[in-house]
Amino acid sequence: MKCKFCGADTKVTDKRESPEGTRRRRECLKCKKRFTTYEKPEEKEIVVVKKDGRREHFADEKLRLGLIKACEKRPVPIEKIDNIVEEIKEKLSKKGKEVSTKMIGEMVIQKLKKLDKIAYIRFASVYKDFKDVSDFKKEVKSL
């Protein structure tokens, strides 16, 4: 890497992992000034294909808020919700550049079914577009 002060080559004097990525302490071979750089892998951009065909960027915060709403007033720690979001995000990034809302919904349904039955029913009622009480009864029986 080139020195940010004089443009000459640099050497790495220290390297360690940090929450921001790989932290490298560098020293210029010419002017001897030191500076720090951070390196982290570029995240693959995920595009979500909506039911009506529109496309938008995947927003993990929208997924997180949906899970929080489903788990409202339930004994589910926020850490578990964050873990689900990260797991789903990781799986989606392996699926390809475009994913459907149906795929995301199915992943959420599977996670909630294992985590909390009430949160699962809440999410399913919106996701599966329940029309009346009989839809709720069918879903509860399937549990």
N, C-alpha and C. Protein backbone atom coordinates (compact mmCIF):
# COMPACT_ATOMS: atom_id res chain seq x y z
N MET A 1 0.85 -1.18 0.00
CA MET A 1 0.00 0.00 0.00
C MET A 1 0.89 1.24 0.00
N LYS A 2 0.40 2.27 -0.63
CA LYS A 2 1.14 3.54 -0.70
C LYS A 2 0.86 4.39 0.54
N CYS A 3 1.86 5.17 0.92
CA CYS A 3 1.75 6.08 2.06
C CYS A 3 0.74 7.18 1.73
N LYS A 4 -0.13 7.47 2.69
CA LYS A 4 -1.13 8.52 2.45
C LYS A 4 -0.53 9.93 2.58
N PHE A 5 0.69 10.01 3.06
CA PHE A 5 1.35 11.30 3.22
C PHE A 5 2.26 11.65 2.03
N CYS A 6 3.10 10.66 1.61
CA CYS A 6 4.07 10.98 0.55
C CYS A 6 3.96 10.10 -0.70
N GLY A 7 3.14 9.03 -0.62
CA GLY A 7 2.93 8.18 -1.78
C GLY A 7 3.94 7.06 -1.95
N ALA A 8 4.89 6.91 -1.04
CA ALA A 8 5.89 5.85 -1.13
C ALA A 8 5.30 4.54 -0.60
N ASP A 9 6.03 3.45 -0.76
CA ASP A 9 5.58 2.15 -0.26
C ASP A 9 5.60 2.11 1.26
N THR A 10 4.76 1.22 1.82
CA THR A 10 4.67 1.08 3.27
C THR A 10 4.90 -0.37 3.66
N LYS A 11 5.15 -0.59 4.96
CA LYS A 11 5.22 -1.94 5.48
C LYS A 11 4.24 -2.05 6.65
N VAL A 12 3.74 -3.25 6.89
CA VAL A 12 2.82 -3.51 7.99
C VAL A 12 3.64 -3.81 9.24
N THR A 13 3.39 -3.03 10.30
CA THR A 13 4.13 -3.24 11.55
C THR A 13 3.32 -4.02 12.58
N ASP A 14 1.99 -4.00 12.42
CA ASP A 14 1.12 -4.72 13.36
C ASP A 14 -0.18 -5.06 12.64
N LYS A 15 -0.74 -6.25 12.92
CA LYS A 15 -2.00 -6.67 12.31
C LYS A 15 -2.81 -7.38 13.37
N ARG A 16 -4.10 -7.04 13.48
CA ARG A 16 -4.99 -7.74 14.39
C ARG A 16 -6.43 -7.60 13.91
N GLU A 17 -7.26 -8.53 14.38
CA GLU A 17 -8.67 -8.52 14.03
C GLU A 17 -9.42 -7.59 14.98
N SER A 18 -10.39 -6.87 14.44
CA SER A 18 -11.22 -5.98 15.25
C SER A 18 -12.64 -6.03 14.71
N PRO A 19 -13.61 -5.48 15.43
CA PRO A 19 -15.00 -5.50 14.93
C PRO A 19 -15.15 -4.77 13.58
N GLU A 20 -14.28 -3.82 13.30
CA GLU A 20 -14.35 -3.08 12.04
C GLU A 20 -13.71 -3.84 10.88
N GLY A 21 -13.02 -4.92 11.16
CA GLY A 21 -12.31 -5.70 10.14
C GLY A 21 -10.88 -5.95 10.58
N THR A 22 -10.03 -6.26 9.61
CA THR A 22 -8.62 -6.47 9.92
C THR A 22 -7.93 -5.12 10.05
N ARG A 23 -7.36 -4.88 11.22
CA ARG A 23 -6.67 -3.61 11.50
C ARG A 23 -5.19 -3.78 11.20
N ARG A 24 -4.65 -2.90 10.37
CA ARG A 24 -3.22 -2.96 10.06
C ARG A 24 -2.57 -1.61 10.39
N ARG A 25 -1.51 -1.69 11.15
CA ARG A 25 -0.71 -0.50 11.45
C ARG A 25 0.41 -0.48 10.42
N ARG A 26 0.53 0.62 9.69
CA ARG A 26 1.51 0.72 8.61
C ARG A 26 2.53 1.81 8.88
N GLU A 27 3.73 1.62 8.31
CA GLU A 27 4.79 2.61 8.42
C GLU A 27 5.36 2.86 7.03
N CYS A 28 5.51 4.13 6.68
CA CYS A 28 6.08 4.51 5.39
C CYS A 28 7.58 4.20 5.38
N LEU A 29 8.05 3.61 4.29
CA LEU A 29 9.47 3.27 4.19
C LEU A 29 10.33 4.51 3.89
N LYS A 30 9.67 5.57 3.41
CA LYS A 30 10.41 6.79 3.05
C LYS A 30 10.33 7.84 4.16
N CYS A 31 9.12 8.32 4.46
CA CYS A 31 8.97 9.41 5.43
C CYS A 31 8.84 8.94 6.88
N LYS A 32 8.68 7.62 7.08
CA LYS A 32 8.60 6.99 8.41
C LYS A 32 7.34 7.33 9.20
N LYS A 33 6.36 7.99 8.57
CA LYS A 33 5.11 8.28 9.27
C LYS A 33 4.29 6.99 9.36
N ARG A 34 3.43 6.94 10.38
CA ARG A 34 2.60 5.77 10.62
C ARG A 34 1.12 6.11 10.47
N PHE A 35 0.35 5.12 10.03
CA PHE A 35 -1.11 5.28 9.94
C PHE A 35 -1.76 3.90 10.02
N THR A 36 -3.06 3.89 10.26
CA THR A 36 -3.82 2.65 10.42
C THR A 36 -4.81 2.49 9.28
N THR A 37 -4.94 1.25 8.80
CA THR A 37 -5.96 0.94 7.79
C THR A 37 -6.81 -0.21 8.31
N TYR A 38 -8.05 -0.29 7.81
CA TYR A 38 -8.95 -1.38 8.15
C TYR A 38 -9.37 -2.06 6.86
N GLU A 39 -9.44 -3.37 6.91
CA GLU A 39 -9.81 -4.15 5.74
C GLU A 39 -10.91 -5.11 6.14
N LYS A 40 -11.99 -5.16 5.35
CA LYS A 40 -13.02 -6.17 5.60
C LYS A 40 -13.58 -6.62 4.26
N PRO A 41 -14.07 -7.86 4.21
CA PRO A 41 -14.58 -8.38 2.94
C PRO A 41 -15.80 -7.59 2.47
N GLU A 42 -15.89 -7.41 1.20
CA GLU A 42 -17.02 -6.72 0.62
C GLU A 42 -18.24 -7.64 0.67
N GLU A 43 -19.33 -7.10 1.18
CA GLU A 43 -20.54 -7.90 1.27
C GLU A 43 -21.25 -7.90 -0.08
N LYS A 44 -21.71 -9.09 -0.47
CA LYS A 44 -22.42 -9.24 -1.72
C LYS A 44 -23.79 -8.58 -1.59
N GLU A 45 -24.14 -7.79 -2.58
CA GLU A 45 -25.42 -7.09 -2.55
C GLU A 45 -26.53 -8.06 -2.91
N ILE A 46 -27.55 -8.11 -2.08
CA ILE A 46 -28.69 -9.01 -2.30
C ILE A 46 -29.88 -8.18 -2.78
N VAL A 47 -30.51 -8.62 -3.86
CA VAL A 47 -31.69 -7.94 -4.39
C VAL A 47 -32.90 -8.83 -4.11
N VAL A 48 -33.93 -8.23 -3.53
CA VAL A 48 -35.15 -8.96 -3.19
C VAL A 48 -36.18 -8.71 -4.29
N VAL A 49 -36.75 -9.81 -4.81
CA VAL A 49 -37.79 -9.73 -5.83
C VAL A 49 -39.13 -9.85 -5.12
N LYS A 50 -39.92 -8.78 -5.17
CA LYS A 50 -41.21 -8.73 -4.49
C LYS A 50 -42.26 -9.53 -5.26
N LYS A 51 -43.43 -9.76 -4.64
CA LYS A 51 -44.52 -10.52 -5.28
C LYS A 51 -44.96 -9.87 -6.59
N ASP A 52 -44.97 -8.54 -6.62
CA ASP A 52 -45.43 -7.83 -7.82
C ASP A 52 -44.32 -7.64 -8.86
N GLY A 53 -43.13 -8.22 -8.61
CA GLY A 53 -42.04 -8.14 -9.58
C GLY A 53 -41.05 -7.02 -9.33
N ARG A 54 -41.40 -6.09 -8.43
CA ARG A 54 -40.45 -5.02 -8.12
C ARG A 54 -39.21 -5.59 -7.46
N ARG A 55 -38.11 -4.89 -7.61
CA ARG A 55 -36.86 -5.31 -6.99
C ARG A 55 -36.36 -4.20 -6.07
N GLU A 56 -35.85 -4.61 -4.91
CA GLU A 56 -35.26 -3.64 -4.00
C GLU A 56 -34.11 -4.30 -3.26
N HIS A 57 -33.24 -3.49 -2.70
CA HIS A 57 -32.09 -4.00 -1.96
C HIS A 57 -32.57 -4.66 -0.68
N PHE A 58 -31.92 -5.76 -0.31
CA PHE A 58 -32.24 -6.44 0.93
C PHE A 58 -31.89 -5.54 2.10
N ALA A 59 -32.84 -5.36 3.01
CA ALA A 59 -32.62 -4.52 4.19
C ALA A 59 -32.79 -5.41 5.42
N ASP A 60 -31.67 -5.77 6.03
CA ASP A 60 -31.76 -6.65 7.20
C ASP A 60 -32.52 -6.00 8.35
N GLU A 61 -32.56 -4.68 8.37
CA GLU A 61 -33.30 -3.99 9.44
C GLU A 61 -34.81 -4.23 9.29
N LYS A 62 -35.31 -4.33 8.06
CA LYS A 62 -36.74 -4.63 7.85
C LYS A 62 -37.05 -6.04 8.37
N LEU A 63 -36.16 -6.97 8.10
CA LEU A 63 -36.32 -8.34 8.57
C LEU A 63 -36.29 -8.37 10.10
N ARG A 64 -35.36 -7.65 10.68
CA ARG A 64 -35.23 -7.59 12.14
C ARG A 64 -36.49 -7.02 12.78
N LEU A 65 -37.02 -5.93 12.21
CA LEU A 65 -38.23 -5.31 12.76
C LEU A 65 -39.45 -6.24 12.65
N GLY A 66 -39.54 -6.99 11.55
CA GLY A 66 -40.62 -7.96 11.40
C GLY A 66 -40.55 -9.05 12.45
N LEU A 67 -39.35 -9.50 12.73
CA LEU A 67 -39.17 -10.52 13.77
C LEU A 67 -39.48 -9.97 15.15
N ILE A 68 -39.05 -8.74 15.40
CA ILE A 68 -39.33 -8.11 16.70
C ILE A 68 -40.84 -7.97 16.89
N LYS A 69 -41.54 -7.58 15.85
CA LYS A 69 -42.99 -7.43 15.94
C LYS A 69 -43.66 -8.78 16.22
N ALA A 70 -43.20 -9.84 15.55
CA ALA A 70 -43.77 -11.18 15.76
C ALA A 70 -43.50 -11.67 17.18
N CYS A 71 -42.35 -11.30 17.74
CA CYS A 71 -41.94 -11.77 19.07
C CYS A 71 -42.32 -10.81 20.20
N GLU A 72 -43.10 -9.78 19.85
CA GLU A 72 -43.49 -8.77 20.83
C GLU A 72 -44.20 -9.43 22.02
N LYS A 73 -43.80 -9.04 23.22
CA LYS A 73 -44.36 -9.53 24.48
C LYS A 73 -44.19 -11.05 24.64
N ARG A 74 -43.16 -11.58 24.00
CA ARG A 74 -42.82 -12.99 24.13
C ARG A 74 -41.45 -13.09 24.80
N PRO A 75 -41.16 -14.20 25.47
CA PRO A 75 -39.87 -14.34 26.16
C PRO A 75 -38.73 -14.71 25.20
N VAL A 76 -38.54 -13.86 24.19
CA VAL A 76 -37.50 -14.11 23.19
C VAL A 76 -36.44 -13.01 23.31
N PRO A 77 -35.21 -13.37 23.67
CA PRO A 77 -34.15 -12.37 23.79
C PRO A 77 -33.80 -11.75 22.42
N ILE A 78 -33.47 -10.49 22.43
CA ILE A 78 -33.13 -9.77 21.19
C ILE A 78 -31.92 -10.41 20.51
N GLU A 79 -31.04 -11.04 21.29
CA GLU A 79 -29.86 -11.70 20.71
C GLU A 79 -30.27 -12.84 19.78
N LYS A 80 -31.34 -13.56 20.16
CA LYS A 80 -31.82 -14.66 19.31
C LYS A 80 -32.38 -14.11 18.00
N ILE A 81 -33.06 -12.98 18.08
CA ILE A 81 -33.59 -12.34 16.86
C ILE A 81 -32.44 -11.91 15.97
N ASP A 82 -31.43 -11.28 16.56
CA ASP A 82 -30.25 -10.85 15.79
C ASP A 82 -29.54 -12.04 15.15
N ASN A 83 -29.47 -13.15 15.88
CA ASN A 83 -28.84 -14.36 15.33
C ASN A 83 -29.62 -14.88 14.12
N ILE A 84 -30.95 -14.87 14.22
CA ILE A 84 -31.79 -15.32 13.10
C ILE A 84 -31.54 -14.44 11.89
N VAL A 85 -31.50 -13.12 12.09
CA VAL A 85 -31.26 -12.19 10.99
C VAL A 85 -29.92 -12.49 10.32
N GLU A 86 -28.88 -12.70 11.12
CA GLU A 86 -27.55 -12.99 10.57
C GLU A 86 -27.53 -14.32 9.83
N GLU A 87 -28.18 -15.34 10.39
CA GLU A 87 -28.23 -16.65 9.74
C GLU A 87 -28.94 -16.56 8.39
N ILE A 88 -30.06 -15.87 8.36
CA ILE A 88 -30.82 -15.72 7.11
C ILE A 88 -30.02 -14.92 6.10
N LYS A 89 -29.41 -13.85 6.55
CA LYS A 89 -28.60 -13.02 5.65
C LYS A 89 -27.46 -13.84 5.04
N GLU A 90 -26.83 -14.65 5.87
CA GLU A 90 -25.72 -15.50 5.40
C GLU A 90 -26.21 -16.51 4.36
N LYS A 91 -27.36 -17.14 4.62
CA LYS A 91 -27.92 -18.11 3.67
C LYS A 91 -28.30 -17.43 2.36
N LEU A 92 -28.89 -16.24 2.46
CA LEU A 92 -29.31 -15.52 1.25
C LEU A 92 -28.11 -15.14 0.39
N SER A 93 -27.02 -14.76 1.03
CA SER A 93 -25.85 -14.35 0.26
C SER A 93 -25.26 -15.53 -0.52
N LYS A 94 -25.51 -16.75 -0.05
CA LYS A 94 -25.03 -17.94 -0.75
C LYS A 94 -25.98 -18.37 -1.86
N LYS A 95 -27.23 -17.90 -1.82
CA LYS A 95 -28.25 -18.31 -2.79
C LYS A 95 -28.04 -17.68 -4.17
N GLY A 96 -27.49 -16.48 -4.20
CA GLY A 96 -27.34 -15.78 -5.47
C GLY A 96 -27.64 -14.31 -5.30
N LYS A 97 -27.60 -13.59 -6.40
CA LYS A 97 -27.77 -12.14 -6.33
C LYS A 97 -29.23 -11.76 -6.06
N GLU A 98 -30.18 -12.52 -6.62
CA GLU A 98 -31.59 -12.22 -6.42
C GLU A 98 -32.28 -13.32 -5.63
N VAL A 99 -33.11 -12.90 -4.67
CA VAL A 99 -33.90 -13.84 -3.88
C VAL A 99 -35.34 -13.32 -3.82
N SER A 100 -36.27 -14.24 -3.69
CA SER A 100 -37.68 -13.84 -3.64
C SER A 100 -38.12 -13.61 -2.19
N THR A 101 -39.16 -12.82 -2.04
CA THR A 101 -39.71 -12.61 -0.71
C THR A 101 -40.25 -13.92 -0.16
N LYS A 102 -40.71 -14.80 -1.05
CA LYS A 102 -41.21 -16.11 -0.63
C LYS A 102 -40.10 -16.91 0.05
N MET A 103 -38.91 -16.88 -0.52
CA MET A 103 -37.78 -17.61 0.05
C MET A 103 -37.43 -17.06 1.44
N ILE A 104 -37.42 -15.75 1.56
CA ILE A 104 -37.11 -15.12 2.85
C ILE A 104 -38.19 -15.49 3.87
N GLY A 105 -39.45 -15.39 3.46
CA GLY A 105 -40.56 -15.72 4.35
C GLY A 105 -40.50 -17.15 4.85
N GLU A 106 -40.17 -18.08 3.97
CA GLU A 106 -40.07 -19.50 4.36
C GLU A 106 -38.94 -19.71 5.36
N MET A 107 -37.83 -19.01 5.16
CA MET A 107 -36.71 -19.12 6.12
C MET A 107 -37.12 -18.60 7.49
N VAL A 108 -37.82 -17.48 7.51
CA VAL A 108 -38.28 -16.89 8.77
C VAL A 108 -39.27 -17.83 9.47
N ILE A 109 -40.20 -18.37 8.70
CA ILE A 109 -41.20 -19.28 9.24
C ILE A 109 -40.53 -20.48 9.93
N GLN A 110 -39.53 -21.06 9.27
CA GLN A 110 -38.84 -22.22 9.84
C GLN A 110 -38.12 -21.86 11.15
N LYS A 111 -37.48 -20.69 11.16
CA LYS A 111 -36.76 -20.26 12.37
C LYS A 111 -37.72 -19.99 13.52
N LEU A 112 -38.83 -19.30 13.23
CA LEU A 112 -39.79 -18.96 14.28
C LEU A 112 -40.51 -20.20 14.81
N LYS A 113 -40.74 -21.17 13.95
CA LYS A 113 -41.42 -22.40 14.37
C LYS A 113 -40.62 -23.09 15.48
N LYS A 114 -39.29 -23.06 15.35
CA LYS A 114 -38.42 -23.68 16.35
C LYS A 114 -38.26 -22.79 17.59
N LEU A 115 -38.32 -21.48 17.39
CA LEU A 115 -38.04 -20.52 18.46
C LEU A 115 -39.23 -20.30 19.40
N ASP A 116 -40.40 -19.97 18.82
CA ASP A 116 -41.57 -19.61 19.64
C ASP A 116 -42.83 -19.81 18.80
N LYS A 117 -43.71 -20.69 19.26
CA LYS A 117 -44.92 -21.04 18.50
C LYS A 117 -45.87 -19.84 18.31
N ILE A 118 -45.99 -19.00 19.32
CA ILE A 118 -46.89 -17.84 19.23
C ILE A 118 -46.34 -16.84 18.21
N ALA A 119 -45.05 -16.58 18.28
CA ALA A 119 -44.43 -15.67 17.31
C ALA A 119 -44.58 -16.23 15.90
N TYR A 120 -44.45 -17.56 15.78
CA TYR A 120 -44.63 -18.23 14.49
C TYR A 120 -46.04 -17.97 13.95
N ILE A 121 -47.06 -18.18 14.78
CA ILE A 121 -48.46 -17.98 14.34
C ILE A 121 -48.68 -16.52 13.95
N ARG A 122 -48.15 -15.59 14.73
CA ARG A 122 -48.29 -14.16 14.40
C ARG A 122 -47.70 -13.86 13.02
N PHE A 123 -46.47 -14.34 12.81
CA PHE A 123 -45.80 -14.08 11.54
C PHE A 123 -46.54 -14.77 10.40
N ALA A 124 -46.93 -16.02 10.62
CA ALA A 124 -47.62 -16.80 9.58
C ALA A 124 -48.95 -16.16 9.20
N SER A 125 -49.63 -15.57 10.17
CA SER A 125 -50.94 -14.96 9.86
C SER A 125 -50.81 -13.81 8.86
N VAL A 126 -49.70 -13.10 8.93
CA VAL A 126 -49.46 -12.01 7.98
C VAL A 126 -48.86 -12.57 6.70
N TYR A 127 -47.84 -13.41 6.85
CA TYR A 127 -47.12 -13.95 5.70
C TYR A 127 -48.02 -14.79 4.80
N LYS A 128 -48.84 -15.64 5.42
CA LYS A 128 -49.72 -16.53 4.65
C LYS A 128 -51.08 -15.91 4.37
N ASP A 129 -51.27 -14.66 4.82
CA ASP A 129 -52.47 -13.89 4.55
C ASP A 129 -53.75 -14.61 4.98
N PHE A 130 -53.81 -14.92 6.29
CA PHE A 130 -54.99 -15.58 6.84
C PHE A 130 -56.23 -14.71 6.61
N LYS A 131 -57.31 -15.35 6.18
CA LYS A 131 -58.55 -14.62 5.89
C LYS A 131 -59.52 -14.62 7.07
N ASP A 132 -59.56 -15.73 7.81
CA ASP A 132 -60.48 -15.81 8.95
C ASP A 132 -59.93 -16.77 10.01
N VAL A 133 -60.75 -17.03 11.02
CA VAL A 133 -60.34 -17.84 12.16
C VAL A 133 -60.01 -19.27 11.74
N SER A 134 -60.68 -19.78 10.74
CA SER A 134 -60.43 -21.17 10.31
C SER A 134 -58.99 -21.34 9.82
N ASP A 135 -58.42 -20.29 9.21
CA ASP A 135 -57.02 -20.34 8.79
C ASP A 135 -56.10 -20.47 10.00
N PHE A 136 -56.42 -19.74 11.07
CA PHE A 136 -55.65 -19.85 12.30
C PHE A 136 -55.74 -21.27 12.87
N LYS A 137 -56.97 -21.82 12.89
CA LYS A 137 -57.18 -23.16 13.44
C LYS A 137 -56.36 -24.20 12.68
N LYS A 138 -56.37 -24.11 11.35
CA LYS A 138 -55.62 -25.06 10.52
C LYS A 138 -54.13 -24.98 10.84
N GLU A 139 -53.61 -23.76 10.97
CA GLU A 139 -52.18 -23.59 11.23
C GLU A 139 -51.80 -24.10 12.61
N VAL A 140 -52.64 -23.84 13.61
CA VAL A 140 -52.37 -24.31 14.96
C VAL A 140 -52.39 -25.84 15.00
N LYS A 141 -53.34 -26.46 14.29
CA LYS A 141 -53.41 -27.92 14.25
C LYS A 141 -52.17 -28.51 13.61
N SER A 142 -51.62 -27.82 12.62
CA SER A 142 -50.44 -28.34 11.93
C SER A 142 -49.19 -28.31 12.82
N LEU A 143 -49.24 -27.54 13.89
CA LEU A 143 -48.12 -27.48 14.83
C LEU A 143 -48.11 -28.75 15.67
